[in-house]
PDB file of all heavy atoms in Angstrom:
ATOM      1  N   TYR A   1      47.720  74.094  -3.322  1.00  0.00           N
ATOM      2  CA  TYR A   1      48.652  73.700  -2.261  1.00  0.00           C
ATOM      3  C   TYR A   1      48.058  72.565  -1.427  1.00  0.00           C
ATOM      4  O   TYR A   1      46.836  72.480  -1.246  1.00  0.00           O
ATOM      5  CB  TYR A   1      48.932  74.882  -1.326  1.00  0.00           C
ATOM      6  CG  TYR A   1      49.775  75.977  -1.921  1.00  0.00           C
ATOM      7  CD1 TYR A   1      49.668  77.283  -1.456  1.00  0.00           C
ATOM      8  CD2 TYR A   1      50.687  75.730  -2.945  1.00  0.00           C
ATOM      9  CE1 TYR A   1      50.437  78.309  -1.983  1.00  0.00           C
ATOM     10  CE2 TYR A   1      51.456  76.740  -3.477  1.00  0.00           C
ATOM     11  CZ  TYR A   1      51.330  78.029  -3.003  1.00  0.00           C
ATOM     12  OH  TYR A   1      52.089  79.041  -3.532  1.00  0.00           O
ATOM     13  N   ASP A   2      48.923  71.721  -0.906  1.00  0.00           N
ATOM     14  CA  ASP A   2      48.470  70.695   0.028  1.00  0.00           C
ATOM     15  C   ASP A   2      48.248  71.325   1.400  1.00  0.00           C
ATOM     16  O   ASP A   2      48.582  72.493   1.641  1.00  0.00           O
ATOM     17  CB  ASP A   2      49.463  69.534   0.106  1.00  0.00           C
ATOM     18  CG  ASP A   2      50.846  69.974   0.555  1.00  0.00           C
ATOM     19  OD1 ASP A   2      50.957  70.579   1.649  1.00  0.00           O
ATOM     20  OD2 ASP A   2      51.829  69.714  -0.172  1.00  0.00           O
ATOM     21  N   VAL A   3      47.691  70.552   2.326  1.00  0.00           N
ATOM     22  CA  VAL A   3      47.313  71.088   3.618  1.00  0.00           C
ATOM     23  C   VAL A   3      48.530  71.553   4.423  1.00  0.00           C
ATOM     24  O   VAL A   3      48.455  72.544   5.173  1.00  0.00           O
ATOM     25  CB  VAL A   3      46.484  70.050   4.409  1.00  0.00           C
ATOM     26  CG1 VAL A   3      47.300  68.797   4.690  1.00  0.00           C
ATOM     27  CG2 VAL A   3      45.959  70.641   5.706  1.00  0.00           C
ATOM     28  N   GLY A   4      49.660  70.884   4.265  1.00  0.00           N
ATOM     29  CA  GLY A   4      50.872  71.299   4.974  1.00  0.00           C
ATOM     30  C   GLY A   4      51.379  72.639   4.492  1.00  0.00           C
ATOM     31  O   GLY A   4      51.736  73.510   5.293  1.00  0.00           O
ATOM     32  N   THR A   5      51.410  72.834   3.188  1.00  0.00           N
ATOM     33  CA  THR A   5      51.850  74.111   2.629  1.00  0.00           C
ATOM     34  C   THR A   5      50.879  75.228   3.017  1.00  0.00           C
ATOM     35  O   THR A   5      51.293  76.351   3.327  1.00  0.00           O
ATOM     36  CB  THR A   5      51.963  74.014   1.100  1.00  0.00           C
ATOM     37  OG1 THR A   5      52.870  72.963   0.763  1.00  0.00           O
ATOM     38  CG2 THR A   5      52.459  75.316   0.504  1.00  0.00           C
ATOM     39  N   ALA A   6      49.584  74.928   3.016  1.00  0.00           N
ATOM     40  CA  ALA A   6      48.595  75.931   3.411  1.00  0.00           C
ATOM     41  C   ALA A   6      48.798  76.354   4.858  1.00  0.00           C
ATOM     42  O   ALA A   6      48.718  77.546   5.194  1.00  0.00           O
ATOM     43  CB  ALA A   6      47.186  75.375   3.222  1.00  0.00           C
ATOM     44  N   ALA A   7      49.085  75.389   5.733  1.00  0.00           N
ATOM     45  CA  ALA A   7      49.323  75.713   7.134  1.00  0.00           C
ATOM     46  C   ALA A   7      50.589  76.551   7.298  1.00  0.00           C
ATOM     47  O   ALA A   7      50.635  77.501   8.088  1.00  0.00           O
ATOM     48  CB  ALA A   7      49.435  74.428   7.955  1.00  0.00           C
ATOM     49  N   GLY A   8      51.627  76.228   6.536  1.00  0.00           N
ATOM     50  CA  GLY A   8      52.855  77.025   6.586  1.00  0.00           C
ATOM     51  C   GLY A   8      52.634  78.430   6.078  1.00  0.00           C
ATOM     52  O   GLY A   8      53.211  79.394   6.604  1.00  0.00           O
ATOM     53  N   LEU A   9      51.770  78.562   5.047  1.00  0.00           N
ATOM     54  CA  LEU A   9      51.414  79.887   4.536  1.00  0.00           C
ATOM     55  C   LEU A   9      50.714  80.707   5.612  1.00  0.00           C
ATOM     56  O   LEU A   9      51.035  81.884   5.824  1.00  0.00           O
ATOM     57  CB  LEU A   9      50.506  79.733   3.316  1.00  0.00           C
ATOM     58  CG  LEU A   9      49.801  80.997   2.802  1.00  0.00           C
ATOM     59  CD1 LEU A   9      50.833  82.015   2.323  1.00  0.00           C
ATOM     60  CD2 LEU A   9      48.822  80.641   1.690  1.00  0.00           C
ATOM     61  N   LEU A  10      49.766  80.103   6.314  1.00  0.00           N
ATOM     62  CA  LEU A  10      49.052  80.807   7.386  1.00  0.00           C
ATOM     63  C   LEU A  10      50.015  81.215   8.497  1.00  0.00           C
ATOM     64  O   LEU A  10      49.959  82.350   8.995  1.00  0.00           O
ATOM     65  CB  LEU A  10      47.948  79.908   7.951  1.00  0.00           C
ATOM     66  CG  LEU A  10      47.142  80.474   9.122  1.00  0.00           C
ATOM     67  CD1 LEU A  10      46.342  81.693   8.681  1.00  0.00           C
ATOM     68  CD2 LEU A  10      46.208  79.406   9.695  1.00  0.00           C
ATOM     69  N   ALA A  11      50.907  80.302   8.876  1.00  0.00           N
ATOM     70  CA  ALA A  11      51.851  80.589   9.963  1.00  0.00           C
ATOM     71  C   ALA A  11      52.838  81.680   9.582  1.00  0.00           C
ATOM     72  O   ALA A  11      53.145  82.576  10.381  1.00  0.00           O
ATOM     73  CB  ALA A  11      52.600  79.321  10.351  1.00  0.00           C
ATOM     74  N   GLY A  12      53.348  81.639   8.358  1.00  0.00           N
ATOM     75  CA  GLY A  12      54.399  82.572   7.952  1.00  0.00           C
ATOM     76  C   GLY A  12      53.883  83.938   7.547  1.00  0.00           C
ATOM     77  O   GLY A  12      54.407  84.963   7.991  1.00  0.00           O
ATOM     78  N   ALA A  13      52.842  83.975   6.734  1.00  0.00           N
ATOM     79  CA  ALA A  13      52.336  85.256   6.245  1.00  0.00           C
ATOM     80  C   ALA A  13      51.796  86.113   7.368  1.00  0.00           C
ATOM     81  O   ALA A  13      51.792  87.337   7.279  1.00  0.00           O
ATOM     82  CB  ALA A  13      51.249  85.024   5.194  1.00  0.00           C
ATOM     83  N   PHE A  14      51.365  85.470   8.458  1.00  0.00           N
ATOM     84  CA  PHE A  14      50.801  86.215   9.582  1.00  0.00           C
ATOM     85  C   PHE A  14      51.663  86.073  10.828  1.00  0.00           C
ATOM     86  O   PHE A  14      51.195  86.307  11.939  1.00  0.00           O
ATOM     87  CB  PHE A  14      49.366  85.760   9.820  1.00  0.00           C
ATOM     88  CG  PHE A  14      48.551  85.784   8.564  1.00  0.00           C
ATOM     89  CD1 PHE A  14      48.077  84.622   7.998  1.00  0.00           C
ATOM     90  CD2 PHE A  14      48.313  86.979   7.904  1.00  0.00           C
ATOM     91  CE1 PHE A  14      47.360  84.638   6.807  1.00  0.00           C
ATOM     92  CE2 PHE A  14      47.589  87.010   6.718  1.00  0.00           C
ATOM     93  CZ  PHE A  14      47.112  85.838   6.169  1.00  0.00           C
ATOM     94  N   SER A  15      52.919  85.654  10.642  1.00  0.00           N
ATOM     95  CA  SER A  15      53.950  85.611  11.685  1.00  0.00           C
ATOM     96  C   SER A  15      53.465  84.964  12.982  1.00  0.00           C
ATOM     97  O   SER A  15      53.765  85.439  14.070  1.00  0.00           O
ATOM     98  CB  SER A  15      54.484  87.031  11.973  1.00  0.00           C
ATOM     99  OG  SER A  15      53.508  87.843  12.551  1.00  0.00           O
ATOM    100  N   GLU A  16      52.691  83.890  12.852  1.00  0.00           N
ATOM    101  CA  GLU A  16      52.195  83.166  14.029  1.00  0.00           C
ATOM    102  C   GLU A  16      52.760  81.748  13.994  1.00  0.00           C
ATOM    103  O   GLU A  16      52.150  80.812  13.476  1.00  0.00           O
ATOM    104  CB  GLU A  16      50.661  83.138  14.043  1.00  0.00           C
ATOM    105  CG  GLU A  16      50.064  82.559  15.301  1.00  0.00           C
ATOM    106  CD  GLU A  16      50.533  83.282  16.564  1.00  0.00           C
ATOM    107  OE1 GLU A  16      50.322  84.500  16.673  1.00  0.00           O
ATOM    108  OE2 GLU A  16      51.119  82.599  17.417  1.00  0.00           O
ATOM    109  N   SER A  17      53.965  81.606  14.555  1.00  0.00           N
ATOM    110  CA  SER A  17      54.672  80.327  14.480  1.00  0.00           C
ATOM    111  C   SER A  17      53.974  79.216  15.238  1.00  0.00           C
ATOM    112  O   SER A  17      54.237  78.037  14.997  1.00  0.00           O
ATOM    113  CB  SER A  17      56.104  80.499  14.990  1.00  0.00           C
ATOM    114  OG  SER A  17      56.117  81.137  16.236  1.00  0.00           O
ATOM    115  N   THR A  18      53.077  79.552  16.165  1.00  0.00           N
ATOM    116  CA  THR A  18      52.375  78.507  16.905  1.00  0.00           C
ATOM    117  C   THR A  18      51.492  77.663  15.986  1.00  0.00           C
ATOM    118  O   THR A  18      51.175  76.518  16.319  1.00  0.00           O
ATOM    119  CB  THR A  18      51.499  79.117  18.010  1.00  0.00           C
ATOM    120  OG1 THR A  18      50.601  80.066  17.438  1.00  0.00           O
ATOM    121  CG2 THR A  18      52.353  79.809  19.051  1.00  0.00           C
ATOM    122  N   VAL A  19      51.099  78.215  14.831  1.00  0.00           N
ATOM    123  CA  VAL A  19      50.286  77.462  13.880  1.00  0.00           C
ATOM    124  C   VAL A  19      51.037  76.220  13.405  1.00  0.00           C
ATOM    125  O   VAL A  19      50.422  75.189  13.107  1.00  0.00           O
ATOM    126  CB  VAL A  19      49.891  78.347  12.684  1.00  0.00           C
ATOM    127  CG1 VAL A  19      49.184  77.544  11.602  1.00  0.00           C
ATOM    128  CG2 VAL A  19      48.993  79.485  13.154  1.00  0.00           C
ATOM    129  N   ILE A  20      52.359  76.295  13.343  1.00  0.00           N
ATOM    130  CA  ILE A  20      53.157  75.143  12.932  1.00  0.00           C
ATOM    131  C   ILE A  20      52.848  73.949  13.828  1.00  0.00           C
ATOM    132  O   ILE A  20      52.680  72.819  13.364  1.00  0.00           O
ATOM    133  CB  ILE A  20      54.655  75.483  12.978  1.00  0.00           C
ATOM    134  CG1 ILE A  20      54.980  76.587  11.978  1.00  0.00           C
ATOM    135  CG2 ILE A  20      55.500  74.244  12.685  1.00  0.00           C
ATOM    136  CD1 ILE A  20      56.420  77.062  12.044  1.00  0.00           C
ATOM    137  N   GLY A  21      52.765  74.213  15.130  1.00  0.00           N
ATOM    138  CA  GLY A  21      52.504  73.129  16.067  1.00  0.00           C
ATOM    139  C   GLY A  21      51.071  72.656  16.053  1.00  0.00           C
ATOM    140  O   GLY A  21      50.799  71.448  15.995  1.00  0.00           O
ATOM    141  N   THR A  22      50.101  73.598  16.106  1.00  0.00           N
ATOM    142  CA  THR A  22      48.694  73.185  16.175  1.00  0.00           C
ATOM    143  C   THR A  22      48.234  72.534  14.865  1.00  0.00           C
ATOM    144  O   THR A  22      47.472  71.565  14.890  1.00  0.00           O
ATOM    145  CB  THR A  22      47.797  74.387  16.504  1.00  0.00           C
ATOM    146  OG1 THR A  22      47.996  75.431  15.546  1.00  0.00           O
ATOM    147  CG2 THR A  22      48.117  74.925  17.895  1.00  0.00           C
ATOM    148  N   ALA A  23      48.710  73.051  13.730  1.00  0.00           N
ATOM    149  CA  ALA A  23      48.356  72.435  12.451  1.00  0.00           C
ATOM    150  C   ALA A  23      49.030  71.077  12.309  1.00  0.00           C
ATOM    151  O   ALA A  23      48.437  70.118  11.805  1.00  0.00           O
ATOM    152  CB  ALA A  23      48.751  73.350  11.295  1.00  0.00           C
ATOM    153  N   GLY A  24      50.263  70.975  12.756  1.00  0.00           N
ATOM    154  CA  GLY A  24      50.964  69.691  12.703  1.00  0.00           C
ATOM    155  C   GLY A  24      50.263  68.629  13.521  1.00  0.00           C
ATOM    156  O   GLY A  24      50.135  67.471  13.092  1.00  0.00           O
ATOM    157  N   ASP A  25      49.788  69.014  14.706  1.00  0.00           N
ATOM    158  CA  ASP A  25      49.032  68.063  15.526  1.00  0.00           C
ATOM    159  C   ASP A  25      47.767  67.610  14.814  1.00  0.00           C
ATOM    160  O   ASP A  25      47.387  66.424  14.857  1.00  0.00           O
ATOM    161  CB  ASP A  25      48.656  68.704  16.869  1.00  0.00           C
ATOM    162  CG  ASP A  25      49.852  68.848  17.795  1.00  0.00           C
ATOM    163  OD1 ASP A  25      50.878  68.185  17.539  1.00  0.00           O
ATOM    164  OD2 ASP A  25      49.759  69.622  18.766  1.00  0.00           O
ATOM    165  N   ALA A  26      47.086  68.547  14.155  1.00  0.00           N
ATOM    166  CA  ALA A  26      45.857  68.213  13.447  1.00  0.00           C
ATOM    167  C   ALA A  26      46.134  67.283  12.266  1.00  0.00           C
ATOM    168  O   ALA A  26      45.367  66.341  12.003  1.00  0.00           O
ATOM    169  CB  ALA A  26      45.165  69.489  12.967  1.00  0.00           C
ATOM    170  N   ILE A  27      47.219  67.529  11.541  1.00  0.00           N
ATOM    171  CA  ILE A  27      47.571  66.668  10.406  1.00  0.00           C
ATOM    172  C   ILE A  27      47.888  65.253  10.890  1.00  0.00           C
ATOM    173  O   ILE A  27      47.539  64.258  10.242  1.00  0.00           O
ATOM    174  CB  ILE A  27      48.760  67.276   9.634  1.00  0.00           C
ATOM    175  CG1 ILE A  27      48.329  68.549   8.906  1.00  0.00           C
ATOM    176  CG2 ILE A  27      49.326  66.274   8.624  1.00  0.00           C
ATOM    177  CD1 ILE A  27      49.466  69.315   8.257  1.00  0.00           C
ATOM    178  N   ASN A  28      48.525  65.152  12.036  1.00  0.00           N
ATOM    179  CA  ASN A  28      48.865  63.828  12.584  1.00  0.00           C
ATOM    180  C   ASN A  28      47.628  62.992  12.886  1.00  0.00           C
ATOM    181  O   ASN A  28      47.719  61.762  12.975  1.00  0.00           O
ATOM    182  CB  ASN A  28      49.700  63.989  13.859  1.00  0.00           C
ATOM    183  CG  ASN A  28      51.192  63.910  13.570  1.00  0.00           C
ATOM    184  OD1 ASN A  28      51.617  63.161  12.686  1.00  0.00           O
ATOM    185  ND2 ASN A  28      51.978  64.677  14.309  1.00  0.00           N
ATOM    186  N   ARG A  29      46.473  63.652  13.069  1.00  0.00           N
ATOM    187  CA  ARG A  29      45.249  62.914  13.379  1.00  0.00           C
ATOM    188  C   ARG A  29      44.425  62.588  12.134  1.00  0.00           C
ATOM    189  O   ARG A  29      43.359  61.959  12.246  1.00  0.00           O
ATOM    190  CB  ARG A  29      44.391  63.723  14.360  1.00  0.00           C
ATOM    191  CG  ARG A  29      45.016  63.879  15.736  1.00  0.00           C
ATOM    192  CD  ARG A  29      43.982  64.400  16.738  1.00  0.00           C
ATOM    193  NE  ARG A  29      43.403  65.660  16.292  1.00  0.00           N
ATOM    194  CZ  ARG A  29      43.946  66.859  16.505  1.00  0.00           C
ATOM    195  NH1 ARG A  29      45.094  66.945  17.151  1.00  0.00           N
ATOM    196  NH2 ARG A  29      43.363  67.951  16.066  1.00  0.00           N
ATOM    197  N   LEU A  30      44.890  63.015  10.953  1.00  0.00           N
ATOM    198  CA  LEU A  30      44.176  62.702   9.720  1.00  0.00           C
ATOM    199  C   LEU A  30      44.319  61.214   9.384  1.00  0.00           C
ATOM    200  O   LEU A  30      45.346  60.585   9.679  1.00  0.00           O
ATOM    201  CB  LEU A  30      44.709  63.551   8.562  1.00  0.00           C
ATOM    202  CG  LEU A  30      44.491  65.069   8.658  1.00  0.00           C
ATOM    203  CD1 LEU A  30      45.128  65.772   7.467  1.00  0.00           C
ATOM    204  CD2 LEU A  30      43.003  65.407   8.733  1.00  0.00           C
ATOM    205  N   ALA A  31      43.279  60.663   8.761  1.00  0.00           N
ATOM    206  CA  ALA A  31      43.292  59.242   8.388  1.00  0.00           C
ATOM    207  C   ALA A  31      44.078  59.065   7.090  1.00  0.00           C
ATOM    208  O   ALA A  31      43.520  58.784   6.017  1.00  0.00           O
ATOM    209  CB  ALA A  31      41.861  58.735   8.236  1.00  0.00           C
ATOM    210  N   LEU A  32      45.395  59.246   7.180  1.00  0.00           N
ATOM    211  CA  LEU A  32      46.286  59.136   6.026  1.00  0.00           C
ATOM    212  C   LEU A  32      47.438  58.216   6.381  1.00  0.00           C
ATOM    213  O   LEU A  32      47.759  58.026   7.566  1.00  0.00           O
ATOM    214  CB  LEU A  32      46.836  60.519   5.640  1.00  0.00           C
ATOM    215  CG  LEU A  32      45.815  61.568   5.177  1.00  0.00           C
ATOM    216  CD1 LEU A  32      46.505  62.920   5.007  1.00  0.00           C
ATOM    217  CD2 LEU A  32      45.161  61.148   3.866  1.00  0.00           C
TER     218      LEU A  32
END
């Protein structure tokens, strides 16, 4: 899985929707 799918897996499987936001912020800072 790519990093986005992995973050969604963490957020969904453990019902912690805040991960969507914190992981998204982290991805936005990647040099891509």
